[in-house]
Amino acid sequence: MGVVRRRSVMGAAFAAVVVLGGGVACSGGEGGGGGQQSGGGGGKGFDPPAAFGEGVKLPHDESVKTWGAALAEGRAYVRTDEGLDAYDARSGRKVWSSALEREGRYTGTAGVPEDDRRIPPVFARQGERTDVLFAYTEYVKGSGTGTGRTDVFLRAVDAASGAVSWTVPLPAPGGVRVSDAEPAVVGAEDGVAVVTALANGEGSSEDSEGAVTYAVDLGTRKVTWQQEGFAAGAVDSGVVVGALVPEAGATFGQAGGWRAEEGDLALAGRALDGGAVRWKGEDRAALEVNRVGGGFFATEGSLYDSRTGEAVDGVGGAYTTCHYDQRSVVVCAGDTAVQAVDARSRKVLWTIADDDPSRRMPSVQTAWHGAVYAHAAPDSVILDARTGKDRSTFQGAHLDQVDEYAGLGLDLVVHPATG
């Protein structure tokens, strides 16, 4: 099965609304690039950036589990097992910290089962405020003859100040027990956030797992629908894409994929409004849904249309990773080729194959606003997202996310944009 790397919501799943200085701006939409901007904590912005300064390691506690990070308008928002931290992405300075303070929970990484999932925070506009969303669990001890339980919560934090905007508990599912594994906000769109939590069926074996998915109206903070046996992985174009998980016999890998020996997993798309099944794929033995954005998701080394569940013709291959540039192009890189797809027409724009004698096939890092950031040893190079042609080379940075003010690596090193 191909592997498609998880993308942060800010970097791929949708055009998030984010903080810009003291106001608010949208990072998506159509338009040309190449201009200077201002904001992002007082520094100049470049749309898109073509040069980066020396990297700065974010001063986070490496003994605490880090789930993921999202870059937005010159700030890096880092979700850890202890809460949410915001950093200036140009200087690495911590701007604020919002603690969870879960009693009795071990938040470190030593001596606990490995969990390699990336669960970055998600951005959503709430009136004049931009919130950073994340989900978490809390264990409640039983009393008397009552057994303990694990509750799921959705929290919104003001992106500008770090103040908690609100926290809402999500209802316990029927017939399954929520796992203490960290839940995920898999996306937010049109005022609705989607949360998925792992679960175990009542009376099921310990190695059999399930899931429950919630859709939460961010205005009323009410659950509009919930579905046991459905593990959402992406939200795009009004569709929640995920895995239909059988009641027994399924297991969830700590890198993010589902397995079922009987081959009774299925890929499905549900309506964000109401949860009705829009489309359903054939049964399979393994499944991992990965967010891309621009109307797409990826699984098993192929790129799919979120609205229909149909694969995009001629795109994909083993170990494919896809990146949406937040404007009009999705770039997919596999073991034998790099390809770009027009997000509107679903047509392939260009291909660089590994057997092309005239070019070195690059290793794609990310894409943003018409620029593709890649490595073609020994150079780091920026390609034009619509033509595939080299624009320029750049120095030093290994980037997982980019905005007009900085680049962010998986190692939580930030690189300020300088040109």
Protein backbone atom coordinates (compact mmCIF):
# COMPACT_ATOMS: atom_id res chain seq x y z
CA MET A 1 0.00 0.00 0.00
CA GLY A 2 1.29 3.47 -0.80
CA VAL A 3 1.97 5.89 2.01
CA VAL A 4 0.65 9.43 1.85
CA ARG A 5 2.01 11.75 4.52
CA ARG A 6 -0.53 13.51 6.71
CA ARG A 7 -0.87 17.21 6.12
CA SER A 8 -1.78 19.89 8.58
CA VAL A 9 -5.11 21.56 8.01
CA MET A 10 -3.45 24.94 7.59
CA GLY A 11 -1.03 23.51 5.06
CA ALA A 12 -3.41 21.44 3.01
CA ALA A 13 -6.95 20.64 4.02
CA PHE A 14 -8.63 23.99 3.46
CA ALA A 15 -8.03 27.69 2.99
CA ALA A 16 -7.96 28.57 6.68
CA VAL A 17 -8.78 31.98 8.08
CA VAL A 18 -5.87 33.12 10.17
CA VAL A 19 -4.60 35.98 12.32
CA LEU A 20 -2.84 38.83 10.52
CA GLY A 21 -1.32 41.27 13.00
CA GLY A 22 -4.25 42.72 14.91
CA GLY A 23 -6.85 41.83 12.27
CA VAL A 24 -7.93 38.81 10.29
CA ALA A 25 -7.16 37.61 6.79
CA CYS A 26 -7.82 34.56 4.66
CA SER A 27 -4.86 32.54 3.44
CA GLY A 28 -6.62 30.84 0.55
CA GLY A 29 -8.36 32.00 -2.61
CA GLU A 30 -7.29 32.79 -6.14
CA GLY A 31 -4.78 35.37 -7.25
CA GLY A 32 -1.23 35.97 -8.32
CA GLY A 33 1.90 35.73 -6.18
CA GLY A 34 5.26 37.34 -5.95
CA GLY A 35 4.43 40.45 -3.92
CA GLN A 36 5.67 41.72 -0.57
CA GLN A 37 3.25 41.87 2.33
CA SER A 38 3.41 43.22 5.86
CA GLY A 39 2.15 41.74 9.12
CA GLY A 40 3.02 38.41 10.74
CA GLY A 41 4.25 39.95 13.98
CA GLY A 42 5.85 43.01 12.44
CA GLY A 43 7.99 41.52 9.68
CA LYS A 44 7.69 41.75 5.92
CA GLY A 45 5.92 38.97 4.09
CA PHE A 46 6.67 37.50 0.66
CA ASP A 47 3.97 35.84 -1.42
CA PRO A 48 5.35 33.29 -1.99
CA PRO A 49 8.77 33.42 -0.28
CA ALA A 50 11.82 32.53 -2.37
CA ALA A 51 14.52 32.80 0.31
CA PHE A 52 14.76 31.91 3.99
CA GLY A 53 16.98 32.94 6.87
CA GLU A 54 18.79 30.78 9.38
CA GLY A 55 16.62 28.25 11.16
CA VAL A 56 15.56 28.69 14.79
CA LYS A 57 14.49 25.72 16.90
CA LEU A 58 11.25 26.42 18.74
CA PRO A 59 11.98 26.36 22.50
CA HIS A 60 9.48 23.64 23.38
CA ASP A 61 9.92 20.94 26.03
CA GLU A 62 11.08 17.89 24.09
CA SER A 63 10.20 15.58 27.00
CA VAL A 64 6.51 16.36 26.37
CA LYS A 65 4.67 14.57 23.56
CA THR A 66 4.16 16.83 20.52
CA TRP A 67 1.19 15.96 18.30
CA GLY A 68 1.62 18.41 15.47
CA ALA A 69 1.95 22.03 14.40
CA ALA A 70 0.20 24.45 12.07
CA LEU A 71 1.71 27.57 10.52
CA ALA A 72 -0.51 30.61 10.10
CA GLU A 73 0.40 34.21 9.24
CA GLY A 74 3.84 34.12 10.82
CA ARG A 75 2.89 32.12 13.91
CA ALA A 76 3.48 28.44 14.59
CA TYR A 77 0.80 26.78 16.71
CA VAL A 78 2.09 23.62 18.37
CA ARG A 79 -0.24 21.03 19.91
CA THR A 80 1.34 19.03 22.73
CA ASP A 81 -0.01 16.62 25.31
CA GLU A 82 -0.04 19.53 27.77
CA GLY A 83 -2.02 21.95 25.61
CA LEU A 84 -1.36 24.46 22.85
CA ASP A 85 1.57 26.86 22.37
CA ALA A 86 1.98 29.73 19.91
CA TYR A 87 5.36 30.96 18.65
CA ASP A 88 6.54 33.80 16.45
CA ALA A 89 7.65 31.92 13.35
CA ARG A 90 10.28 34.51 12.44
CA SER A 91 12.12 34.64 15.77
CA GLY A 92 11.03 31.43 17.50
CA ARG A 93 9.83 33.42 20.53
CA LYS A 94 6.93 31.90 22.46
CA VAL A 95 3.92 34.23 22.23
CA TRP A 96 1.52 32.40 24.55
CA SER A 97 0.75 29.02 26.08
CA SER A 98 -2.68 27.53 26.82
CA ALA A 99 -2.45 24.62 29.27
CA LEU A 100 -4.84 21.68 29.54
CA GLU A 101 -4.00 20.69 33.12
CA ARG A 102 -5.37 17.17 32.86
CA GLU A 103 -5.11 15.61 36.31
CA GLY A 104 -3.16 12.37 36.59
CA ARG A 105 -2.24 12.19 32.92
CA TYR A 106 1.35 11.39 32.00
CA THR A 107 2.32 13.78 29.21
CA GLY A 108 5.84 12.57 28.48
CA THR A 109 7.20 10.21 25.87
CA ALA A 110 9.37 7.81 27.88
CA GLY A 111 8.02 4.35 28.64
CA VAL A 112 4.71 4.71 26.80
CA PRO A 113 3.49 3.02 23.59
CA GLU A 114 4.70 4.81 20.48
CA ASP A 115 2.08 6.88 18.69
CA ASP A 116 3.37 8.37 15.43
CA ARG A 117 0.18 10.12 14.36
CA ARG A 118 0.35 13.77 13.44
CA ILE A 119 -2.60 15.66 14.94
CA PRO A 120 -2.12 19.36 14.22
CA PRO A 121 -4.57 22.02 15.43
CA VAL A 122 -7.23 23.42 13.08
CA PHE A 123 -8.27 27.04 12.43
CA ALA A 124 -11.83 28.38 12.28
CA ARG A 125 -13.34 31.86 12.08
CA GLN A 126 -15.80 32.74 14.87
CA GLY A 127 -17.28 36.17 14.18
CA GLU A 128 -14.41 38.65 14.47
CA ARG A 129 -12.21 36.08 16.18
CA THR A 130 -10.06 33.29 14.74
CA ASP A 131 -9.95 30.20 16.93
CA VAL A 132 -7.49 27.34 17.05
CA LEU A 133 -9.35 24.04 17.57
CA PHE A 134 -8.14 20.80 19.09
CA ALA A 135 -9.70 17.77 20.82
CA TYR A 136 -8.56 15.87 23.88
CA THR A 137 -9.67 13.19 26.33
CA GLU A 138 -10.00 13.08 30.10
CA TYR A 139 -10.38 9.94 32.18
CA VAL A 140 -13.09 9.97 34.84
CA LYS A 141 -12.65 7.44 37.65
CA GLY A 142 -15.54 5.19 38.54
CA SER A 143 -17.26 5.36 41.91
CA GLY A 144 -18.79 2.51 43.85
CA THR A 145 -19.81 -0.16 41.35
CA GLY A 146 -19.55 2.27 38.47
CA THR A 147 -16.72 1.83 35.98
CA GLY A 148 -14.45 4.61 34.81
CA ARG A 149 -14.86 6.26 31.44
CA THR A 150 -12.97 8.44 29.00
CA ASP A 151 -14.67 11.65 27.87
CA VAL A 152 -13.90 13.61 24.67
CA PHE A 153 -13.74 17.41 24.59
CA LEU A 154 -13.44 19.98 21.81
CA ARG A 155 -11.66 23.21 22.75
CA ALA A 156 -11.35 26.55 20.94
CA VAL A 157 -8.49 28.92 21.80
CA ASP A 158 -8.25 32.53 20.58
CA ALA A 159 -5.38 32.53 18.07
CA ALA A 160 -4.40 36.09 18.92
CA SER A 161 -4.35 35.97 22.73
CA GLY A 162 -4.26 32.31 23.73
CA ALA A 163 -7.39 32.72 25.88
CA VAL A 164 -9.75 29.75 25.91
CA SER A 165 -12.81 30.76 23.91
CA TRP A 166 -14.85 27.72 24.93
CA THR A 167 -14.67 24.00 25.71
CA VAL A 168 -17.49 21.59 24.97
CA PRO A 169 -17.84 17.92 26.01
CA LEU A 170 -18.90 15.51 23.29
CA PRO A 171 -21.57 12.91 24.07
CA ALA A 172 -20.58 9.36 24.93
CA PRO A 173 -21.15 6.99 22.01
CA GLY A 174 -23.55 4.08 22.35
CA GLY A 175 -22.16 0.56 22.49
CA VAL A 176 -18.48 1.52 22.43
CA ARG A 177 -15.96 2.81 24.96
CA VAL A 178 -13.83 5.78 23.97
CA SER A 179 -10.11 5.02 24.03
CA ASP A 180 -7.68 7.22 25.95
CA ALA A 181 -5.73 7.70 22.68
CA GLU A 182 -5.76 11.36 21.67
CA PRO A 183 -8.71 12.29 19.41
CA ALA A 184 -8.30 14.48 16.33
CA VAL A 185 -10.05 17.46 14.80
CA VAL A 186 -9.76 16.31 11.19
CA GLY A 187 -11.07 19.52 9.67
CA ALA A 188 -13.47 22.46 9.87
CA GLU A 189 -15.59 23.93 7.11
CA ASP A 190 -18.71 26.12 6.86
CA GLY A 191 -18.89 26.58 10.62
CA VAL A 192 -18.70 22.86 11.42
CA ALA A 193 -15.75 20.99 12.97
CA VAL A 194 -15.31 17.23 12.64
CA VAL A 195 -13.74 15.22 15.48
CA THR A 196 -12.77 11.55 15.43
CA ALA A 197 -11.96 9.46 18.51
CA LEU A 198 -10.78 5.87 18.73
CA ALA A 199 -13.00 3.44 20.61
CA ASN A 200 -13.45 -0.19 21.62
CA GLY A 201 -16.67 -2.12 21.28
CA GLU A 202 -18.35 -3.32 24.46
CA GLY A 203 -17.10 -6.87 25.06
CA SER A 204 -14.69 -6.76 22.11
CA SER A 205 -11.13 -8.04 22.38
CA GLU A 206 -8.41 -5.58 23.33
CA ASP A 207 -6.81 -5.86 19.90
CA SER A 208 -10.05 -4.97 18.12
CA GLU A 209 -10.68 -1.26 17.70
CA GLY A 210 -13.34 1.06 16.42
CA ALA A 211 -14.06 4.75 16.09
CA VAL A 212 -16.68 7.44 16.56
CA THR A 213 -16.94 10.68 14.58
CA TYR A 214 -18.71 13.89 15.65
CA ALA A 215 -19.79 16.92 13.64
CA VAL A 216 -19.96 20.01 15.87
CA ASP A 217 -21.66 23.30 14.96
CA LEU A 218 -19.16 25.96 16.04
CA GLY A 219 -21.84 28.59 16.50
CA THR A 220 -24.18 26.64 18.78
CA ARG A 221 -21.41 24.28 20.02
CA LYS A 222 -23.85 21.39 19.58
CA VAL A 223 -23.20 18.01 17.96
CA THR A 224 -25.20 17.97 14.73
CA TRP A 225 -24.50 14.30 14.07
CA GLN A 226 -22.31 11.49 15.34
CA GLN A 227 -21.51 8.13 13.84
CA GLU A 228 -20.07 5.06 15.53
CA GLY A 229 -18.02 2.81 13.24
CA PHE A 230 -16.85 5.71 11.09
CA ALA A 231 -13.31 7.12 11.35
CA ALA A 232 -13.13 10.49 9.57
CA GLY A 233 -9.81 11.46 8.00
CA ALA A 234 -10.57 14.56 5.91
CA VAL A 235 -13.14 17.32 5.47
CA ASP A 236 -13.37 19.01 2.08
CA SER A 237 -16.00 20.44 -0.27
CA GLY A 238 -18.85 19.63 2.11
CA VAL A 239 -17.84 15.97 2.42
CA VAL A 240 -16.36 14.09 5.39
CA VAL A 241 -14.14 11.31 4.06
CA GLY A 242 -13.20 8.35 6.21
CA ALA A 243 -13.20 4.63 6.90
CA LEU A 244 -16.25 2.53 7.66
CA VAL A 245 -14.89 0.29 10.40
CA PRO A 246 -16.47 -3.11 11.18
CA GLU A 247 -17.74 -3.87 14.68
CA ALA A 248 -15.00 -6.45 15.23
CA GLY A 249 -11.70 -7.49 13.70
CA ALA A 250 -10.28 -4.06 12.85
CA THR A 251 -7.12 -2.54 14.28
CA PHE A 252 -5.70 0.96 14.07
CA GLY A 253 -1.97 1.40 13.47
CA GLN A 254 -0.15 4.12 15.36
CA ALA A 255 1.02 5.68 12.09
CA GLY A 256 -2.61 6.31 11.18
CA GLY A 257 -3.93 3.38 9.10
CA TRP A 258 -6.67 0.80 9.61
CA ARG A 259 -6.36 -2.98 9.04
CA ALA A 260 -9.03 -5.68 8.86
CA GLU A 261 -8.09 -9.27 8.07
CA GLU A 262 -11.56 -10.02 6.71
CA GLY A 263 -11.26 -7.18 4.21
CA ASP A 264 -14.40 -5.43 5.41
CA LEU A 265 -13.12 -1.88 5.71
CA ALA A 266 -14.66 0.58 3.27
CA LEU A 267 -13.89 4.11 2.12
CA ALA A 268 -16.88 6.45 2.36
CA GLY A 269 -17.86 10.09 2.05
CA ARG A 270 -20.56 11.56 4.29
CA ALA A 271 -22.31 14.90 3.94
CA LEU A 272 -20.88 17.46 6.37
CA ASP A 273 -24.45 18.70 6.74
CA GLY A 274 -26.34 15.80 8.30
CA GLY A 275 -23.90 12.92 7.90
CA ALA A 276 -25.72 11.03 5.15
CA VAL A 277 -23.53 8.74 3.02
CA ARG A 278 -22.74 10.50 -0.27
CA TRP A 279 -20.63 7.71 -1.76
CA LYS A 280 -19.05 4.41 -0.70
CA GLY A 281 -16.12 2.43 -2.11
CA GLU A 282 -15.45 -1.28 -2.28
CA ASP A 283 -14.36 -3.28 0.76
CA ARG A 284 -10.65 -3.54 1.45
CA ALA A 285 -8.25 -4.96 4.03
CA ALA A 286 -6.25 -1.77 4.70
CA LEU A 287 -7.14 1.90 4.58
CA GLU A 288 -5.61 5.25 5.48
CA VAL A 289 -7.25 8.55 4.55
CA ASN A 290 -4.98 11.57 4.18
CA ARG A 291 -5.99 15.22 3.93
CA VAL A 292 -4.85 17.09 0.84
CA GLY A 293 -7.20 20.03 0.23
CA GLY A 294 -8.53 21.76 -2.85
CA GLY A 295 -11.30 19.17 -3.15
CA PHE A 296 -9.03 16.13 -2.81
CA PHE A 297 -7.88 13.44 -0.42
CA ALA A 298 -5.39 10.63 -0.89
CA THR A 299 -5.20 6.96 0.01
CA GLU A 300 -3.27 3.90 -1.15
CA GLY A 301 -0.95 5.97 -3.31
CA SER A 302 -3.73 7.64 -5.33
CA LEU A 303 -5.40 11.06 -5.41
CA TYR A 304 -9.21 11.13 -5.09
CA ASP A 305 -11.98 13.66 -5.63
CA SER A 306 -13.60 14.30 -2.23
CA ARG A 307 -17.00 15.04 -3.76
CA THR A 308 -17.33 11.77 -5.70
CA GLY A 309 -14.78 9.34 -4.23
CA GLU A 310 -13.36 8.77 -7.71
CA ALA A 311 -9.61 8.53 -8.33
CA VAL A 312 -7.94 11.20 -10.46
CA ASP A 313 -6.81 9.56 -13.69
CA GLY A 314 -3.10 9.12 -14.24
CA VAL A 315 -1.96 10.33 -10.80
CA GLY A 316 -0.32 8.31 -8.07
CA GLY A 317 2.07 5.48 -7.40
CA ALA A 318 3.86 3.88 -4.50
CA TYR A 319 4.71 6.15 -1.56
CA THR A 320 2.83 9.11 -3.00
CA THR A 321 2.62 12.36 -1.03
CA CYS A 322 0.29 15.17 -2.14
CA HIS A 323 0.36 18.92 -1.36
CA TYR A 324 -2.25 21.59 -2.13
CA ASP A 325 -0.78 25.04 -2.79
CA GLN A 326 -3.87 26.78 -1.30
CA ARG A 327 -4.74 28.29 -4.67
CA SER A 328 -5.29 26.05 -7.66
CA VAL A 329 -2.74 23.21 -7.87
CA VAL A 330 -2.17 19.88 -6.13
CA VAL A 331 1.34 18.44 -6.46
CA CYS A 332 1.83 14.69 -5.92
CA ALA A 333 5.22 13.04 -5.58
CA GLY A 334 5.75 9.28 -5.71
CA ASP A 335 8.70 6.96 -6.14
CA THR A 336 8.82 7.34 -9.94
CA ALA A 337 7.33 10.76 -10.76
CA VAL A 338 6.22 14.19 -9.57
CA GLN A 339 2.92 15.39 -11.03
CA ALA A 340 0.77 18.50 -10.72
CA VAL A 341 -3.02 18.55 -11.05
CA ASP A 342 -5.28 21.53 -11.73
CA ALA A 343 -7.71 21.65 -8.81
CA ARG A 344 -10.59 22.80 -11.01
CA SER A 345 -10.28 20.66 -14.13
CA ARG A 346 -8.73 17.61 -12.38
CA LYS A 347 -6.27 17.42 -15.30
CA VAL A 348 -2.53 16.76 -15.02
CA LEU A 349 -0.56 19.96 -15.69
CA TRP A 350 2.97 18.51 -15.83
CA THR A 351 5.10 15.50 -14.90
CA ILE A 352 8.75 15.05 -13.95
CA ALA A 353 9.65 11.35 -14.18
CA ASP A 354 12.61 9.61 -12.62
CA ASP A 355 13.72 8.36 -16.06
CA ASP A 356 13.80 11.85 -17.61
CA PRO A 357 17.45 12.31 -18.68
CA SER A 358 17.12 16.10 -18.81
CA ARG A 359 16.04 16.68 -15.18
CA ARG A 360 16.65 15.33 -11.69
CA MET A 361 13.36 14.25 -10.14
CA PRO A 362 12.94 16.44 -7.05
CA SER A 363 11.83 15.38 -3.60
CA VAL A 364 8.84 17.61 -2.88
CA GLN A 365 8.59 19.17 0.59
CA THR A 366 5.49 21.38 0.35
CA ALA A 367 3.65 23.83 -1.90
CA TRP A 368 2.18 27.26 -1.31
CA HIS A 369 0.65 30.00 -3.49
CA GLY A 370 2.00 28.81 -6.83
CA ALA A 371 5.40 27.67 -5.55
CA VAL A 372 6.59 24.10 -5.00
CA TYR A 373 9.42 23.71 -2.49
CA ALA A 374 11.61 20.69 -3.20
CA HIS A 375 15.08 19.19 -2.96
CA ALA A 376 17.06 18.03 -5.98
CA ALA A 377 20.40 17.02 -4.55
CA PRO A 378 22.51 18.95 -3.86
CA ASP A 379 20.13 21.92 -4.29
CA SER A 380 16.90 23.05 -2.69
CA VAL A 381 14.71 24.35 -5.50
CA ILE A 382 11.45 26.20 -6.04
CA LEU A 383 9.30 25.07 -8.98
CA ASP A 384 6.41 26.89 -10.59
CA ALA A 385 3.30 24.98 -9.51
CA ARG A 386 1.49 25.40 -12.83
CA THR A 387 4.38 24.77 -15.23
CA GLY A 388 6.83 22.63 -13.26
CA LYS A 389 9.73 24.81 -14.37
CA ASP A 390 12.50 25.82 -11.98
CA ARG A 391 12.07 29.30 -10.53
CA SER A 392 15.09 29.52 -8.24
CA THR A 393 17.16 27.68 -5.68
CA PHE A 394 17.21 28.42 -1.95
CA GLN A 395 19.49 27.55 0.93
CA GLY A 396 19.28 25.44 4.03
CA ALA A 397 15.66 25.05 4.98
CA HIS A 398 13.81 21.71 5.01
CA LEU A 399 10.18 22.78 4.96
CA ASP A 400 6.95 21.05 5.85
CA GLN A 401 4.78 24.18 5.76
CA VAL A 402 5.19 27.68 4.31
CA ASP A 403 3.37 30.99 4.51
CA GLU A 404 4.43 34.50 3.50
CA TYR A 405 6.41 35.06 6.69
CA ALA A 406 8.22 31.78 7.38
CA GLY A 407 8.76 28.10 6.72
CA LEU A 408 8.29 25.39 9.34
CA GLY A 409 9.98 21.99 9.44
CA LEU A 410 8.77 18.74 10.98
CA ASP A 411 11.57 19.14 13.51
CA LEU A 412 9.91 22.40 14.69
CA VAL A 413 12.64 24.56 13.25
CA VAL A 414 11.31 27.84 11.81
CA HIS A 415 12.98 29.72 8.96
CA PRO A 416 12.00 33.39 8.48
CA ALA A 417 11.18 34.40 4.93
CA THR A 418 13.74 36.91 3.64
CA GLY A 419 12.84 37.35 -0.01
